[in-house]
Amino acid sequence: MKIVVVGAAGTIGAAVTAALEANKHEVIRASRKLAPRIDISDPESIGRFFAEVKDLDGVVSCAGDARFAPLDKLTDEDFLFSVNN
């Protein structure tokens, strides 16, 4: 299968990519840092990405930002930031 891993430059994305490749899948690594570039917070970037990258069998998203802290220290704004990313 031809699979794109969005967020492939991160720790989780790299592990997912390695697992997919170990199972003989063709993997396209994508992120804000890698070409082909995609920024999931920018709808135009997403559109450009999928206009450029064709014939995919699957998309795995390991992308996004989150705020980490003990649960009782996270604010409503922290939760909203994480949900929006």
Protein backbone atom coordinates (compact mmCIF):
# COMPACT_ATOMS: atom_id res chain seq x y z
CA MET A 1 0.00 0.00 0.00
CA LYS A 2 1.03 3.60 -0.58
CA ILE A 3 0.59 5.42 2.71
CA VAL A 4 1.40 8.97 3.75
CA VAL A 5 2.46 9.57 7.34
CA VAL A 6 1.72 13.16 8.33
CA GLY A 7 4.00 14.19 11.17
CA ALA A 8 6.68 11.72 10.10
CA ALA A 9 9.45 13.97 11.45
CA GLY A 10 8.29 13.49 15.03
CA THR A 11 9.01 10.68 17.46
CA ILE A 12 5.70 8.88 16.97
CA GLY A 13 5.64 9.52 13.23
CA ALA A 14 9.11 8.06 12.82
CA ALA A 15 8.09 4.92 14.70
CA VAL A 16 4.91 4.52 12.65
CA THR A 17 6.88 5.02 9.44
CA ALA A 18 9.42 2.38 10.46
CA ALA A 19 6.65 -0.10 11.30
CA LEU A 20 4.88 0.45 7.99
CA GLU A 21 8.10 0.14 6.01
CA ALA A 22 9.00 -3.05 7.90
CA ASN A 23 5.71 -4.44 6.62
CA LYS A 24 6.68 -3.58 3.03
CA HIS A 25 4.42 -0.55 2.58
CA GLU A 26 5.49 2.38 0.43
CA VAL A 27 5.59 5.31 2.84
CA ILE A 28 5.60 9.00 1.99
CA ARG A 29 6.95 11.00 4.92
CA ALA A 30 5.30 14.40 5.27
CA SER A 31 5.41 17.18 7.84
CA ARG A 32 6.06 20.88 8.23
CA LYS A 33 9.78 19.99 8.13
CA LEU A 34 9.89 17.37 5.37
CA ALA A 35 9.01 17.53 1.68
CA PRO A 36 6.34 17.10 0.60
CA ARG A 37 5.37 19.69 3.19
CA ILE A 38 2.02 19.80 4.93
CA ASP A 39 0.85 21.99 7.80
CA ILE A 40 -2.37 20.62 9.26
CA SER A 41 -3.21 24.02 10.75
CA ASP A 42 -3.32 25.57 7.25
CA PRO A 43 -6.18 24.43 4.97
CA GLU A 44 -4.36 25.76 1.88
CA SER A 45 -1.31 23.67 2.76
CA ILE A 46 -3.50 20.59 3.05
CA GLY A 47 -5.07 21.31 -0.34
CA ARG A 48 -1.69 21.80 -2.01
CA PHE A 49 -0.38 18.61 -0.46
CA PHE A 50 -3.21 16.43 -1.75
CA ALA A 51 -3.09 18.12 -5.16
CA GLU A 52 0.58 17.11 -5.38
CA VAL A 53 0.49 13.66 -3.78
CA LYS A 54 -1.79 11.28 -5.67
CA ASP A 55 -2.98 7.69 -5.62
CA LEU A 56 -2.75 7.11 -1.88
CA ASP A 57 -4.14 4.01 -0.22
CA GLY A 58 -4.03 5.46 3.27
CA VAL A 59 -3.22 8.45 5.45
CA VAL A 60 -1.88 8.21 8.99
CA SER A 61 -1.77 11.38 11.05
CA CYS A 62 0.83 11.61 13.81
CA ALA A 63 0.81 15.39 13.68
CA GLY A 64 -0.36 18.01 16.07
CA ASP A 65 0.63 20.07 19.05
CA ALA A 66 -0.54 19.53 22.58
CA ARG A 67 0.14 21.00 25.97
CA PHE A 68 1.32 18.51 28.55
CA ALA A 69 1.10 18.88 32.31
CA PRO A 70 -0.44 17.05 35.23
CA LEU A 71 -4.19 16.91 34.63
CA ASP A 72 -5.00 19.21 37.53
CA LYS A 73 -2.61 21.84 36.14
CA LEU A 74 -4.07 22.02 32.62
CA THR A 75 -6.37 24.95 31.97
CA ASP A 76 -9.40 25.14 29.70
CA GLU A 77 -7.20 27.04 27.25
CA ASP A 78 -4.66 24.20 27.32
CA PHE A 79 -7.36 21.66 26.47
CA LEU A 80 -8.71 23.85 23.66
CA PHE A 81 -5.20 24.34 22.23
CA SER A 82 -4.69 20.57 22.12
CA VAL A 83 -8.12 19.87 20.59
CA ASN A 84 -7.54 22.48 17.89
CA ASN A 85 -4.22 20.95 16.98
